[in-house]
Amino acid sequence: MHEYANFWNHYADFSGRSSRRDYWMTFLINVMAGVILVILTQAAHPFIYLYGAFGIAVIIPSLAIAVRRLHDIGRSGWWMIVYFVPVVGPIILIVWLATRSGPDNQWGPTHRVA
């Protein structure tokens, strides 16, 4: 849960680095929350507004953590636009987001795992 707290604490912080664990744990929690909200929406229609609000609320911090994740592997955040290349773009982006952290770079030092 520490990773998810950092996700919200760095809401629109597009500088610095985020580890693989930070990114993927946040992604997992957001997907689980979305699935729960979809199930609730099926049970009671008014939950669709909560689902929509959640979706809008996580757009900016999700982009920010993805940019910080790209910084962690030594790429500029502008590489996010590769997503829009048909078919291969999303695959390339997923591979980059799953890549091991790079050495110290212009965006900061490597995360040290204790």
C-alpha atoms as a PDB file:
ATOM      1  CA  MET A   1       0.000   0.000   0.000  1.00  0.00           C
ATOM      2  CA  HIS A   2       3.036   2.273   0.386  1.00  0.00           C
ATOM      3  CA  GLU A   3       3.302   2.413  -3.419  1.00  0.00           C
ATOM      4  CA  TYR A   4      -0.321   3.487  -3.783  1.00  0.00           C
ATOM      5  CA  ALA A   5       0.102   6.236  -1.199  1.00  0.00           C
ATOM      6  CA  ASN A   6       3.103   7.511  -3.188  1.00  0.00           C
ATOM      7  CA  PHE A   7       0.975   7.372  -6.344  1.00  0.00           C
ATOM      8  CA  TRP A   8      -1.444   9.893  -4.834  1.00  0.00           C
ATOM      9  CA  ASN A   9       1.245  11.942  -3.037  1.00  0.00           C
ATOM     10  CA  HIS A  10       3.005  12.549  -6.373  1.00  0.00           C
ATOM     11  CA  TYR A  11      -0.285  13.279  -8.182  1.00  0.00           C
ATOM     12  CA  ALA A  12       1.107  15.429 -10.990  1.00  0.00           C
ATOM     13  CA  ASP A  13       4.846  15.008 -10.448  1.00  0.00           C
ATOM     14  CA  PHE A  14       6.344  14.251 -13.855  1.00  0.00           C
ATOM     15  CA  SER A  15       9.949  14.539 -12.647  1.00  0.00           C
ATOM     16  CA  GLY A  16      12.133  11.961 -10.969  1.00  0.00           C
ATOM     17  CA  ARG A  17      11.942   8.189 -11.156  1.00  0.00           C
ATOM     18  CA  SER A  18       9.581   5.371 -10.154  1.00  0.00           C
ATOM     19  CA  SER A  19      10.594   1.762  -9.722  1.00  0.00           C
ATOM     20  CA  ARG A  20       8.990  -1.198 -11.477  1.00  0.00           C
ATOM     21  CA  ARG A  21       7.368  -2.204  -8.201  1.00  0.00           C
ATOM     22  CA  ASP A  22       5.868   1.281  -7.712  1.00  0.00           C
ATOM     23  CA  TYR A  23       4.405   1.287 -11.208  1.00  0.00           C
ATOM     24  CA  TRP A  24       3.045  -2.253 -11.355  1.00  0.00           C
ATOM     25  CA  MET A  25       1.616  -2.330  -7.816  1.00  0.00           C
ATOM     26  CA  THR A  26      -0.216   0.926  -8.552  1.00  0.00           C
ATOM     27  CA  PHE A  27      -1.425  -0.484 -11.867  1.00  0.00           C
ATOM     28  CA  LEU A  28      -2.691  -3.637 -10.126  1.00  0.00           C
ATOM     29  CA  ILE A  29      -4.558  -1.697  -7.430  1.00  0.00           C
ATOM     30  CA  ASN A  30      -6.147   0.615 -10.038  1.00  0.00           C
ATOM     31  CA  VAL A  31      -7.291  -2.370 -12.112  1.00  0.00           C
ATOM     32  CA  MET A  32      -8.735  -4.112  -9.035  1.00  0.00           C
ATOM     33  CA  ALA A  33     -10.562  -0.919  -8.002  1.00  0.00           C
ATOM     34  CA  GLY A  34     -11.928  -0.561 -11.521  1.00  0.00           C
ATOM     35  CA  VAL A  35     -13.177  -4.163 -11.571  1.00  0.00           C
ATOM     36  CA  ILE A  36     -14.868  -3.721  -8.193  1.00  0.00           C
ATOM     37  CA  LEU A  37     -16.549  -0.535  -9.417  1.00  0.00           C
ATOM     38  CA  VAL A  38     -17.751  -2.277 -12.587  1.00  0.00           C
ATOM     39  CA  ILE A  39     -19.262  -5.062 -10.477  1.00  0.00           C
ATOM     40  CA  LEU A  40     -20.952  -2.496  -8.227  1.00  0.00           C
ATOM     41  CA  THR A  41     -22.235  -0.679 -11.312  1.00  0.00           C
ATOM     42  CA  GLN A  42     -23.855  -3.917 -12.484  1.00  0.00           C
ATOM     43  CA  ALA A  43     -25.510  -4.294  -9.075  1.00  0.00           C
ATOM     44  CA  ALA A  44     -26.694  -0.696  -8.761  1.00  0.00           C
ATOM     45  CA  HIS A  45     -26.633   1.719 -11.677  1.00  0.00           C
ATOM     46  CA  PRO A  46     -25.747   4.888  -9.689  1.00  0.00           C
ATOM     47  CA  PHE A  47     -22.247   3.457  -9.090  1.00  0.00           C
ATOM     48  CA  ILE A  48     -21.486   4.341 -12.696  1.00  0.00           C
ATOM     49  CA  TYR A  49     -20.867   7.914 -11.523  1.00  0.00           C
ATOM     50  CA  LEU A  50     -18.330   6.711  -8.968  1.00  0.00           C
ATOM     51  CA  TYR A  51     -16.671   4.584 -11.668  1.00  0.00           C
ATOM     52  CA  GLY A  52     -16.466   7.618 -13.965  1.00  0.00           C
ATOM     53  CA  ALA A  53     -15.097   9.842 -11.206  1.00  0.00           C
ATOM     54  CA  PHE A  54     -12.445   7.250 -10.359  1.00  0.00           C
ATOM     55  CA  GLY A  55     -11.451   6.974 -14.015  1.00  0.00           C
ATOM     56  CA  ILE A  56     -11.066  10.732 -14.345  1.00  0.00           C
ATOM     57  CA  ALA A  57      -9.216  11.018 -11.014  1.00  0.00           C
ATOM     58  CA  VAL A  58      -6.488   8.517 -11.969  1.00  0.00           C
ATOM     59  CA  ILE A  59      -5.699   9.876 -15.460  1.00  0.00           C
ATOM     60  CA  ILE A  60      -3.083  12.468 -14.464  1.00  0.00           C
ATOM     61  CA  PRO A  61      -1.315  10.443 -11.743  1.00  0.00           C
ATOM     62  CA  SER A  62      -1.258   7.395 -14.045  1.00  0.00           C
ATOM     63  CA  LEU A  63       0.440   9.405 -16.765  1.00  0.00           C
ATOM     64  CA  ALA A  64       2.829  10.891 -14.204  1.00  0.00           C
ATOM     65  CA  ILE A  65       3.915   7.513 -12.803  1.00  0.00           C
ATOM     66  CA  ALA A  66       4.355   6.118 -16.336  1.00  0.00           C
ATOM     67  CA  VAL A  67       6.572   9.087 -17.243  1.00  0.00           C
ATOM     68  CA  ARG A  68       8.599   8.602 -14.048  1.00  0.00           C
ATOM     69  CA  ARG A  69       8.873   4.890 -14.916  1.00  0.00           C
ATOM     70  CA  LEU A  70      10.273   5.788 -18.346  1.00  0.00           C
ATOM     71  CA  HIS A  71      12.737   8.119 -16.626  1.00  0.00           C
ATOM     72  CA  ASP A  72      13.817   5.153 -14.501  1.00  0.00           C
ATOM     73  CA  ILE A  73      14.950   3.268 -17.601  1.00  0.00           C
ATOM     74  CA  GLY A  74      16.663   6.341 -19.039  1.00  0.00           C
ATOM     75  CA  ARG A  75      13.976   7.469 -21.509  1.00  0.00           C
ATOM     76  CA  SER A  76      12.227  10.802 -21.779  1.00  0.00           C
ATOM     77  CA  GLY A  77       8.554  10.953 -20.863  1.00  0.00           C
ATOM     78  CA  TRP A  78       7.837  12.010 -24.429  1.00  0.00           C
ATOM     79  CA  TRP A  79       8.285   8.337 -25.371  1.00  0.00           C
ATOM     80  CA  MET A  80       4.725   7.870 -24.052  1.00  0.00           C
ATOM     81  CA  ILE A  81       3.497   8.913 -27.494  1.00  0.00           C
ATOM     82  CA  VAL A  82       4.815   5.613 -28.880  1.00  0.00           C
ATOM     83  CA  TYR A  83       1.535   4.228 -27.492  1.00  0.00           C
ATOM     84  CA  PHE A  84      -0.279   5.752 -30.465  1.00  0.00           C
ATOM     85  CA  VAL A  85       1.665   3.703 -33.022  1.00  0.00           C
ATOM     86  CA  PRO A  86      -0.872   1.096 -34.161  1.00  0.00           C
ATOM     87  CA  VAL A  87      -0.403  -2.468 -32.895  1.00  0.00           C
ATOM     88  CA  VAL A  88       3.276  -2.330 -31.860  1.00  0.00           C
ATOM     89  CA  GLY A  89       3.193   0.939 -29.866  1.00  0.00           C
ATOM     90  CA  PRO A  90       1.359  -0.405 -26.796  1.00  0.00           C
ATOM     91  CA  ILE A  91       3.509  -3.556 -26.852  1.00  0.00           C
ATOM     92  CA  ILE A  92       6.732  -1.522 -26.920  1.00  0.00           C
ATOM     93  CA  LEU A  93       5.471   0.669 -24.071  1.00  0.00           C
ATOM     94  CA  ILE A  94       4.553  -2.361 -21.923  1.00  0.00           C
ATOM     95  CA  VAL A  95       8.015  -3.845 -22.492  1.00  0.00           C
ATOM     96  CA  TRP A  96       9.648  -0.564 -21.483  1.00  0.00           C
ATOM     97  CA  LEU A  97       7.470  -0.253 -18.376  1.00  0.00           C
ATOM     98  CA  ALA A  98       8.500  -3.787 -17.375  1.00  0.00           C
ATOM     99  CA  THR A  99      12.210  -3.208 -18.016  1.00  0.00           C
ATOM    100  CA  ARG A 100      14.667  -3.330 -15.123  1.00  0.00           C
ATOM    101  CA  SER A 101      15.761   0.041 -13.713  1.00  0.00           C
ATOM    102  CA  GLY A 102      18.716   1.660 -15.369  1.00  0.00           C
ATOM    103  CA  PRO A 103      21.793   3.196 -13.735  1.00  0.00           C
ATOM    104  CA  ASP A 104      21.831   6.686 -12.230  1.00  0.00           C
ATOM    105  CA  ASN A 105      20.802   9.206 -14.875  1.00  0.00           C
ATOM    106  CA  GLN A 106      19.695  12.817 -15.352  1.00  0.00           C
ATOM    107  CA  TRP A 107      16.388  12.103 -13.560  1.00  0.00           C
ATOM    108  CA  GLY A 108      18.000  10.888 -10.346  1.00  0.00           C
ATOM    109  CA  PRO A 109      19.770   7.985  -8.659  1.00  0.00           C
ATOM    110  CA  THR A 110      18.741   4.343  -8.982  1.00  0.00           C
ATOM    111  CA  HIS A 111      16.262   3.062  -6.389  1.00  0.00           C
ATOM    112  CA  ARG A 112      18.024   0.884  -3.861  1.00  0.00           C
ATOM    113  CA  VAL A 113      16.069  -2.123  -2.589  1.00  0.00           C
ATOM    114  CA  ALA A 114      16.819  -2.839   1.073  1.00  0.00           C
END
